[in-house]
Amino acid sequence: MILYPNAYFKKIEDITIQFLKKQNIKLLILDVDNTLIDYHQNFAEEVKQWLKNLQGQGMKLYLLSNSNKKEKVKKIADEFGIPYRIFAKKPLKSGFLKVQKQMKEKTENIAVIGDQIFTDVIGGNRCGFFTILVEPIHEKDYWFTAWKRPIEEKIKNNYQAKEKK
């Protein structure tokens, strides 16, 4: 189902290199807001260490954000030497496919990690990428995200019930 991720983790730093390698993932397309940083742009040391570890293991990373705040995304990108794209218009396929073309990676070797079903998961699934849903870092959200959270909770509950069967 297009609404369900391929995998679900509570925190992004719970996703191990072993898990990614088992899925044959070579490129991670990462959401920024409430996936890597919280509403107040706090960037946890655990998340920074997770990114460093992945880079050290040869994982390619790319930041793909719907934000139009370039400096916010660029700050993270510059700290880790990660390419990025803002105003991605997720869940439209175009932003994801531009990343794929730029990074020259096969569909089956790409994973999308994000905290939103209606942007990250649907967009990644529409492109045929492996999708990983994580819980938002913080409960505070932008208004245009907050109204979708109760709907996403119902979808997550259905997904988790299906996975337990």
N, C-alpha and C. Protein backbone atom coordinates (compact mmCIF):
# COMPACT_ATOMS: atom_id res chain seq x y z
N MET A 1 0.85 -1.19 0.00
CA MET A 1 0.00 0.00 0.00
C MET A 1 0.89 1.25 0.00
N ILE A 2 0.51 2.22 -0.77
CA ILE A 2 1.32 3.44 -0.95
C ILE A 2 1.48 4.23 0.36
N LEU A 3 0.54 4.06 1.30
CA LEU A 3 0.60 4.79 2.57
C LEU A 3 1.53 4.14 3.59
N TYR A 4 1.91 2.90 3.37
CA TYR A 4 2.72 2.18 4.35
C TYR A 4 4.20 2.23 3.98
N PRO A 5 5.04 2.45 4.98
CA PRO A 5 6.48 2.40 4.72
C PRO A 5 6.94 0.94 4.61
N ASN A 6 8.13 0.74 4.10
CA ASN A 6 8.72 -0.59 4.10
C ASN A 6 9.24 -0.96 5.48
N ALA A 7 9.60 0.06 6.27
CA ALA A 7 10.11 -0.17 7.62
C ALA A 7 9.74 1.01 8.50
N TYR A 8 9.69 0.75 9.80
CA TYR A 8 9.33 1.78 10.76
C TYR A 8 10.27 1.71 11.96
N PHE A 9 10.80 2.86 12.37
CA PHE A 9 11.68 2.95 13.53
C PHE A 9 11.22 4.12 14.40
N LYS A 10 11.41 3.98 15.70
CA LYS A 10 11.06 5.07 16.62
C LYS A 10 11.95 6.29 16.38
N LYS A 11 13.27 6.05 16.28
CA LYS A 11 14.22 7.15 16.11
C LYS A 11 15.12 6.84 14.92
N ILE A 12 15.55 7.88 14.25
CA ILE A 12 16.41 7.70 13.09
C ILE A 12 17.70 6.97 13.45
N GLU A 13 18.22 7.25 14.64
CA GLU A 13 19.49 6.63 15.03
C GLU A 13 19.35 5.14 15.36
N ASP A 14 18.11 4.62 15.37
CA ASP A 14 17.89 3.18 15.53
C ASP A 14 18.12 2.41 14.23
N ILE A 15 18.21 3.13 13.13
CA ILE A 15 18.43 2.49 11.82
C ILE A 15 19.92 2.19 11.70
N THR A 16 20.26 0.93 11.62
CA THR A 16 21.67 0.54 11.59
C THR A 16 22.19 0.37 10.16
N ILE A 17 23.49 0.47 10.03
CA ILE A 17 24.13 0.22 8.74
C ILE A 17 23.89 -1.22 8.31
N GLN A 18 23.83 -2.14 9.27
CA GLN A 18 23.57 -3.55 8.95
C GLN A 18 22.19 -3.71 8.33
N PHE A 19 21.19 -3.02 8.91
CA PHE A 19 19.84 -3.07 8.35
C PHE A 19 19.84 -2.53 6.92
N LEU A 20 20.48 -1.40 6.71
CA LEU A 20 20.50 -0.79 5.39
C LEU A 20 21.22 -1.67 4.37
N LYS A 21 22.34 -2.25 4.78
CA LYS A 21 23.08 -3.14 3.87
C LYS A 21 22.26 -4.39 3.53
N LYS A 22 21.52 -4.89 4.50
CA LYS A 22 20.66 -6.06 4.26
C LYS A 22 19.61 -5.74 3.19
N GLN A 23 19.18 -4.49 3.15
CA GLN A 23 18.19 -4.05 2.15
C GLN A 23 18.87 -3.63 0.84
N ASN A 24 20.20 -3.70 0.81
CA ASN A 24 21.00 -3.31 -0.36
C ASN A 24 20.91 -1.81 -0.66
N ILE A 25 20.80 -1.01 0.40
CA ILE A 25 20.69 0.44 0.26
C ILE A 25 22.09 1.05 0.16
N LYS A 26 22.25 1.94 -0.83
CA LYS A 26 23.52 2.64 -1.03
C LYS A 26 23.37 4.15 -0.91
N LEU A 27 22.12 4.63 -1.04
CA LEU A 27 21.84 6.06 -0.95
C LEU A 27 20.64 6.29 -0.05
N LEU A 28 20.79 7.19 0.92
CA LEU A 28 19.68 7.60 1.78
C LEU A 28 19.26 9.01 1.42
N ILE A 29 17.99 9.16 1.10
CA ILE A 29 17.40 10.48 0.90
C ILE A 29 16.73 10.83 2.22
N LEU A 30 17.23 11.88 2.87
CA LEU A 30 16.81 12.22 4.22
C LEU A 30 15.96 13.48 4.27
N ASP A 31 14.84 13.38 4.96
CA ASP A 31 14.05 14.56 5.28
C ASP A 31 14.80 15.34 6.37
N VAL A 32 14.49 16.61 6.53
CA VAL A 32 15.19 17.44 7.52
C VAL A 32 14.30 17.74 8.73
N ASP A 33 13.21 18.46 8.52
CA ASP A 33 12.37 18.92 9.63
C ASP A 33 11.70 17.76 10.36
N ASN A 34 11.96 17.70 11.66
CA ASN A 34 11.42 16.70 12.57
C ASN A 34 11.89 15.28 12.27
N THR A 35 12.87 15.18 11.37
CA THR A 35 13.55 13.90 11.12
C THR A 35 14.99 14.01 11.60
N LEU A 36 15.69 15.05 11.18
CA LEU A 36 17.06 15.31 11.64
C LEU A 36 17.12 16.40 12.69
N ILE A 37 16.28 17.42 12.55
CA ILE A 37 16.24 18.53 13.51
C ILE A 37 14.80 18.75 13.97
N ASP A 38 14.65 19.34 15.15
CA ASP A 38 13.30 19.61 15.64
C ASP A 38 12.80 20.98 15.15
N TYR A 39 11.61 21.33 15.58
CA TYR A 39 10.97 22.58 15.17
C TYR A 39 11.85 23.80 15.44
N HIS A 40 12.61 23.75 16.54
CA HIS A 40 13.47 24.87 16.93
C HIS A 40 14.87 24.77 16.31
N GLN A 41 15.04 23.85 15.39
CA GLN A 41 16.30 23.62 14.67
C GLN A 41 17.41 23.07 15.55
N ASN A 42 17.04 22.42 16.65
CA ASN A 42 18.02 21.72 17.47
C ASN A 42 18.45 20.45 16.74
N PHE A 43 19.74 20.21 16.74
CA PHE A 43 20.32 19.09 16.02
C PHE A 43 21.04 18.22 17.05
N ALA A 44 20.40 17.14 17.47
CA ALA A 44 20.91 16.30 18.56
C ALA A 44 22.25 15.65 18.21
N GLU A 45 23.10 15.54 19.21
CA GLU A 45 24.41 14.91 19.03
C GLU A 45 24.27 13.46 18.56
N GLU A 46 23.25 12.76 19.04
CA GLU A 46 23.04 11.37 18.63
C GLU A 46 22.78 11.27 17.12
N VAL A 47 22.02 12.22 16.61
CA VAL A 47 21.72 12.23 15.17
C VAL A 47 22.98 12.59 14.38
N LYS A 48 23.74 13.54 14.87
CA LYS A 48 25.00 13.91 14.20
C LYS A 48 25.94 12.71 14.15
N GLN A 49 26.04 11.99 15.27
CA GLN A 49 26.92 10.81 15.32
C GLN A 49 26.43 9.73 14.37
N TRP A 50 25.13 9.55 14.28
CA TRP A 50 24.53 8.58 13.35
C TRP A 50 24.93 8.91 11.91
N LEU A 51 24.81 10.19 11.55
CA LEU A 51 25.20 10.61 10.20
C LEU A 51 26.68 10.35 9.94
N LYS A 52 27.53 10.71 10.91
CA LYS A 52 28.98 10.48 10.77
C LYS A 52 29.29 9.00 10.59
N ASN A 53 28.64 8.16 11.38
CA ASN A 53 28.86 6.72 11.28
C ASN A 53 28.48 6.18 9.91
N LEU A 54 27.34 6.62 9.40
CA LEU A 54 26.91 6.16 8.07
C LEU A 54 27.89 6.60 6.99
N GLN A 55 28.31 7.86 7.08
CA GLN A 55 29.29 8.36 6.10
C GLN A 55 30.58 7.56 6.19
N GLY A 56 30.99 7.24 7.40
CA GLY A 56 32.22 6.48 7.61
C GLY A 56 32.13 5.07 7.06
N GLN A 57 30.93 4.57 6.89
CA GLN A 57 30.72 3.22 6.34
C GLN A 57 30.45 3.27 4.84
N GLY A 58 30.57 4.46 4.25
CA GLY A 58 30.43 4.59 2.80
C GLY A 58 29.01 4.81 2.29
N MET A 59 28.06 5.09 3.18
CA MET A 59 26.69 5.34 2.76
C MET A 59 26.61 6.74 2.15
N LYS A 60 25.97 6.84 0.97
CA LYS A 60 25.73 8.15 0.36
C LYS A 60 24.48 8.75 0.98
N LEU A 61 24.53 10.06 1.25
CA LEU A 61 23.43 10.77 1.88
C LEU A 61 23.03 11.97 1.04
N TYR A 62 21.74 12.31 1.10
CA TYR A 62 21.22 13.47 0.38
C TYR A 62 20.07 14.04 1.20
N LEU A 63 20.06 15.35 1.42
CA LEU A 63 18.97 16.02 2.13
C LEU A 63 17.93 16.51 1.13
N LEU A 64 16.69 16.09 1.34
CA LEU A 64 15.59 16.52 0.47
C LEU A 64 14.49 17.08 1.35
N SER A 65 14.30 18.40 1.27
CA SER A 65 13.39 19.08 2.17
C SER A 65 12.33 19.86 1.42
N ASN A 66 11.13 19.88 1.97
CA ASN A 66 10.07 20.72 1.41
C ASN A 66 10.23 22.17 1.86
N SER A 67 11.11 22.41 2.80
CA SER A 67 11.32 23.76 3.32
C SER A 67 11.85 24.70 2.23
N ASN A 68 11.49 25.95 2.36
CA ASN A 68 12.07 26.96 1.47
C ASN A 68 13.11 27.80 2.22
N LYS A 69 13.46 27.35 3.41
CA LYS A 69 14.46 28.04 4.24
C LYS A 69 15.84 27.45 3.95
N LYS A 70 16.49 28.00 2.94
CA LYS A 70 17.76 27.46 2.47
C LYS A 70 18.82 27.38 3.56
N GLU A 71 18.96 28.43 4.35
CA GLU A 71 20.03 28.46 5.36
C GLU A 71 19.91 27.33 6.38
N LYS A 72 18.67 26.99 6.75
CA LYS A 72 18.45 25.91 7.71
C LYS A 72 18.98 24.58 7.16
N VAL A 73 18.64 24.26 5.93
CA VAL A 73 19.06 23.00 5.31
C VAL A 73 20.54 23.04 4.96
N LYS A 74 20.99 24.17 4.45
CA LYS A 74 22.39 24.33 4.05
C LYS A 74 23.34 24.16 5.23
N LYS A 75 22.93 24.62 6.41
CA LYS A 75 23.76 24.51 7.61
C LYS A 75 24.09 23.03 7.90
N ILE A 76 23.08 22.18 7.82
CA ILE A 76 23.30 20.74 8.05
C ILE A 76 24.13 20.16 6.91
N ALA A 77 23.76 20.51 5.69
CA ALA A 77 24.47 19.99 4.51
C ALA A 77 25.95 20.35 4.57
N ASP A 78 26.26 21.59 4.91
CA ASP A 78 27.65 22.03 4.97
C ASP A 78 28.43 21.33 6.08
N GLU A 79 27.78 21.12 7.22
CA GLU A 79 28.46 20.47 8.35
C GLU A 79 28.92 19.06 7.99
N PHE A 80 28.15 18.39 7.14
CA PHE A 80 28.46 16.99 6.81
C PHE A 80 28.88 16.78 5.35
N GLY A 81 28.94 17.85 4.58
CA GLY A 81 29.31 17.71 3.17
C GLY A 81 28.29 16.90 2.39
N ILE A 82 27.02 17.13 2.68
CA ILE A 82 25.93 16.39 2.05
C ILE A 82 25.24 17.28 1.01
N PRO A 83 25.00 16.78 -0.20
CA PRO A 83 24.23 17.57 -1.15
C PRO A 83 22.78 17.72 -0.67
N TYR A 84 22.11 18.76 -1.13
CA TYR A 84 20.75 19.00 -0.67
C TYR A 84 19.90 19.67 -1.73
N ARG A 85 18.60 19.60 -1.52
CA ARG A 85 17.63 20.26 -2.38
C ARG A 85 16.50 20.74 -1.47
N ILE A 86 16.11 21.99 -1.64
CA ILE A 86 15.00 22.54 -0.86
C ILE A 86 13.78 22.67 -1.77
N PHE A 87 12.66 23.00 -1.16
CA PHE A 87 11.39 23.18 -1.87
C PHE A 87 11.14 22.00 -2.82
N ALA A 88 11.24 20.80 -2.26
CA ALA A 88 11.19 19.56 -3.05
C ALA A 88 9.79 19.19 -3.54
N LYS A 89 8.77 19.77 -2.94
CA LYS A 89 7.37 19.51 -3.31
C LYS A 89 6.98 18.04 -3.11
N LYS A 90 7.53 17.42 -2.07
CA LYS A 90 7.14 16.04 -1.75
C LYS A 90 5.66 16.03 -1.40
N PRO A 91 4.88 15.10 -1.84
CA PRO A 91 5.18 13.79 -2.38
C PRO A 91 5.31 13.71 -3.90
N LEU A 92 5.38 14.84 -4.58
CA LEU A 92 5.59 14.76 -6.03
C LEU A 92 6.90 14.02 -6.31
N LYS A 93 6.95 13.31 -7.39
CA LYS A 93 8.10 12.47 -7.71
C LYS A 93 9.32 13.27 -8.18
N SER A 94 9.11 14.44 -8.71
CA SER A 94 10.19 15.17 -9.38
C SER A 94 11.43 15.39 -8.51
N GLY A 95 11.25 15.81 -7.27
CA GLY A 95 12.41 16.05 -6.39
C GLY A 95 13.19 14.77 -6.13
N PHE A 96 12.48 13.70 -5.86
CA PHE A 96 13.12 12.40 -5.61
C PHE A 96 13.90 11.94 -6.85
N LEU A 97 13.28 12.08 -8.00
CA LEU A 97 13.91 11.60 -9.23
C LEU A 97 15.11 12.45 -9.63
N LYS A 98 15.08 13.74 -9.30
CA LYS A 98 16.25 14.60 -9.55
C LYS A 98 17.43 14.14 -8.69
N VAL A 99 17.14 13.76 -7.44
CA VAL A 99 18.19 13.24 -6.57
C VAL A 99 18.76 11.95 -7.14
N GLN A 100 17.89 11.07 -7.56
CA GLN A 100 18.34 9.80 -8.14
C GLN A 100 19.25 10.03 -9.35
N LYS A 101 18.83 10.93 -10.20
CA LYS A 101 19.63 11.22 -11.41
C LYS A 101 20.97 11.84 -11.02
N GLN A 102 20.95 12.80 -10.13
CA GLN A 102 22.18 13.48 -9.69
C GLN A 102 23.15 12.50 -9.04
N MET A 103 22.62 11.59 -8.23
CA MET A 103 23.47 10.67 -7.47
C MET A 103 23.78 9.38 -8.23
N LYS A 104 23.15 9.22 -9.40
CA LYS A 104 23.42 8.08 -10.28
C LYS A 104 23.29 6.74 -9.54
N GLU A 105 22.12 6.55 -8.94
CA GLU A 105 21.89 5.33 -8.17
C GLU A 105 20.63 4.62 -8.66
N LYS A 106 20.64 3.30 -8.64
CA LYS A 106 19.49 2.50 -9.07
C LYS A 106 18.37 2.61 -8.06
N THR A 107 17.15 2.52 -8.55
CA THR A 107 15.95 2.60 -7.72
C THR A 107 16.02 1.66 -6.53
N GLU A 108 16.42 0.42 -6.76
CA GLU A 108 16.43 -0.59 -5.69
C GLU A 108 17.50 -0.36 -4.63
N ASN A 109 18.39 0.62 -4.85
CA ASN A 109 19.45 0.91 -3.90
C ASN A 109 19.23 2.22 -3.14
N ILE A 110 18.01 2.76 -3.23
CA ILE A 110 17.70 4.05 -2.60
C ILE A 110 16.65 3.86 -1.52
N ALA A 111 16.88 4.49 -0.37
CA ALA A 111 15.88 4.53 0.71
C ALA A 111 15.57 5.99 1.03
N VAL A 112 14.34 6.22 1.40
CA VAL A 112 13.87 7.54 1.84
C VAL A 112 13.54 7.42 3.32
N ILE A 113 14.08 8.34 4.12
CA ILE A 113 13.78 8.35 5.56
C ILE A 113 13.12 9.68 5.91
N GLY A 114 11.97 9.59 6.55
CA GLY A 114 11.28 10.79 6.97
C GLY A 114 10.25 10.52 8.04
N ASP A 115 9.68 11.58 8.58
CA ASP A 115 8.72 11.47 9.67
C ASP A 115 7.27 11.62 9.22
N GLN A 116 7.04 11.83 7.92
CA GLN A 116 5.67 12.06 7.45
C GLN A 116 5.26 11.05 6.38
N ILE A 117 4.09 10.49 6.57
CA ILE A 117 3.54 9.55 5.58
C ILE A 117 3.16 10.29 4.31
N PHE A 118 2.51 11.45 4.45
CA PHE A 118 1.95 12.13 3.29
C PHE A 118 2.97 12.86 2.42
N THR A 119 4.21 12.91 2.84
CA THR A 119 5.25 13.52 2.01
C THR A 119 6.34 12.51 1.71
N ASP A 120 7.04 12.06 2.74
CA ASP A 120 8.22 11.19 2.58
C ASP A 120 7.85 9.78 2.11
N VAL A 121 6.91 9.16 2.80
CA VAL A 121 6.56 7.77 2.49
C VAL A 121 5.85 7.67 1.13
N ILE A 122 4.83 8.47 0.94
CA ILE A 122 4.11 8.40 -0.34
C ILE A 122 5.03 8.76 -1.49
N GLY A 123 5.81 9.82 -1.35
CA GLY A 123 6.73 10.22 -2.42
C GLY A 123 7.75 9.15 -2.74
N GLY A 124 8.37 8.58 -1.71
CA GLY A 124 9.34 7.52 -1.91
C GLY A 124 8.72 6.28 -2.53
N ASN A 125 7.54 5.89 -2.03
CA ASN A 125 6.85 4.72 -2.57
C ASN A 125 6.47 4.92 -4.04
N ARG A 126 6.04 6.11 -4.39
CA ARG A 126 5.65 6.39 -5.78
C ARG A 126 6.84 6.23 -6.73
N CYS A 127 8.05 6.43 -6.21
CA CYS A 127 9.26 6.29 -7.03
C CYS A 127 9.83 4.87 -6.99
N GLY A 128 9.24 4.02 -6.17
CA GLY A 128 9.74 2.65 -6.05
C GLY A 128 10.92 2.50 -5.10
N PHE A 129 11.19 3.51 -4.28
CA PHE A 129 12.28 3.46 -3.32
C PHE A 129 11.83 2.74 -2.05
N PHE A 130 12.80 2.27 -1.28
CA PHE A 130 12.55 1.67 0.03
C PHE A 130 12.24 2.83 0.99
N THR A 131 11.13 2.76 1.69
CA THR A 131 10.75 3.88 2.56
C THR A 131 10.83 3.48 4.03
N ILE A 132 11.35 4.41 4.83
CA ILE A 132 11.50 4.19 6.26
C ILE A 132 10.85 5.38 6.98
N LEU A 133 9.87 5.06 7.79
CA LEU A 133 9.18 6.08 8.58
C LEU A 133 9.77 6.09 9.98
N VAL A 134 10.05 7.29 10.49
CA VAL A 134 10.50 7.47 11.87
C VAL A 134 9.51 8.39 12.58
N GLU A 135 9.49 8.27 13.89
CA GLU A 135 8.65 9.18 14.68
C GLU A 135 9.23 10.59 14.60
N PRO A 136 8.37 11.61 14.62
CA PRO A 136 8.89 12.97 14.67
C PRO A 136 9.75 13.17 15.92
N ILE A 137 10.80 13.95 15.79
CA ILE A 137 11.70 14.22 16.91
C ILE A 137 10.96 14.91 18.05
N HIS A 138 10.06 15.81 17.71
CA HIS A 138 9.37 16.63 18.71
C HIS A 138 7.91 16.75 18.33
N GLU A 139 7.03 16.92 19.33
CA GLU A 139 5.60 17.02 19.02
C GLU A 139 5.22 18.36 18.39
N LYS A 140 6.05 19.38 18.55
CA LYS A 140 5.77 20.69 17.95
C LYS A 140 6.01 20.60 16.45
N ASP A 141 5.02 21.04 15.68
CA ASP A 141 5.07 20.98 14.22
C ASP A 141 4.63 22.31 13.63
N TYR A 142 4.97 22.49 12.38
CA TYR A 142 4.41 23.61 11.63
C TYR A 142 2.93 23.34 11.42
N TRP A 143 2.12 24.37 11.30
CA TRP A 143 0.67 24.21 11.18
C TRP A 143 0.29 23.33 10.00
N PHE A 144 1.03 23.43 8.90
CA PHE A 144 0.67 22.68 7.70
C PHE A 144 1.03 21.19 7.81
N THR A 145 1.72 20.83 8.88
CA THR A 145 2.00 19.41 9.17
C THR A 145 1.12 18.92 10.30
N ALA A 146 0.90 19.75 11.30
CA ALA A 146 0.20 19.34 12.52
C ALA A 146 -1.19 18.77 12.25
N TRP A 147 -1.93 19.33 11.32
CA TRP A 147 -3.29 18.85 11.07
C TRP A 147 -3.32 17.44 10.49
N LYS A 148 -2.21 16.99 9.89
CA LYS A 148 -2.16 15.65 9.29
C LYS A 148 -1.77 14.57 10.30
N ARG A 149 -1.19 14.95 11.42
CA ARG A 149 -0.67 13.97 12.37
C ARG A 149 -1.72 12.97 12.89
N PRO A 150 -2.94 13.40 13.24
CA PRO A 150 -3.93 12.41 13.71
C PRO A 150 -4.27 11.37 12.63
N ILE A 151 -4.32 11.77 11.39
CA ILE A 151 -4.58 10.84 10.29
C ILE A 151 -3.41 9.88 10.14
N GLU A 152 -2.18 10.42 10.23
CA GLU A 152 -1.00 9.57 10.13
C GLU A 152 -0.94 8.57 11.28
N GLU A 153 -1.38 8.97 12.46
CA GLU A 153 -1.39 8.06 13.61
C GLU A 153 -2.28 6.85 13.32
N LYS A 154 -3.44 7.06 12.73
CA LYS A 154 -4.34 5.96 12.39
C LYS A 154 -3.69 5.03 11.37
N ILE A 155 -3.04 5.61 10.39
CA ILE A 155 -2.35 4.80 9.37
C ILE A 155 -1.22 4.00 10.01
N LYS A 156 -0.44 4.64 10.90
CA LYS A 156 0.65 3.94 11.60
C LYS A 156 0.13 2.79 12.44
N ASN A 157 -0.98 3.03 13.14
CA ASN A 157 -1.56 1.97 13.96
C ASN A 157 -2.00 0.79 13.10
N ASN A 158 -2.62 1.06 11.96
CA ASN A 158 -3.02 -0.01 11.04
C ASN A 158 -1.81 -0.74 10.50
N TYR A 159 -0.77 0.00 10.15
CA TYR A 159 0.47 -0.60 9.65
C TYR A 159 1.09 -1.51 10.70
N GLN A 160 1.20 -1.02 11.93
CA GLN A 160 1.80 -1.81 13.00
C GLN A 160 0.98 -3.06 13.32
N ALA A 161 -0.34 -2.95 13.27
CA ALA A 161 -1.19 -4.12 13.50
C ALA A 161 -0.98 -5.15 12.40
N LYS A 162 -0.86 -4.70 11.18
CA LYS A 162 -0.61 -5.59 10.03
C LYS A 162 0.74 -6.27 10.17
N GLU A 163 1.76 -5.54 10.62
CA GLU A 163 3.10 -6.09 10.77
C GLU A 163 3.18 -7.15 11.88
N LYS A 164 2.32 -7.03 12.89
CA LYS A 164 2.33 -7.99 14.00
C LYS A 164 1.72 -9.33 13.61
N LYS A 165 0.89 -9.32 12.56
CA LYS A 165 0.23 -10.56 12.12
C LYS A 165 1.20 -11.53 11.50
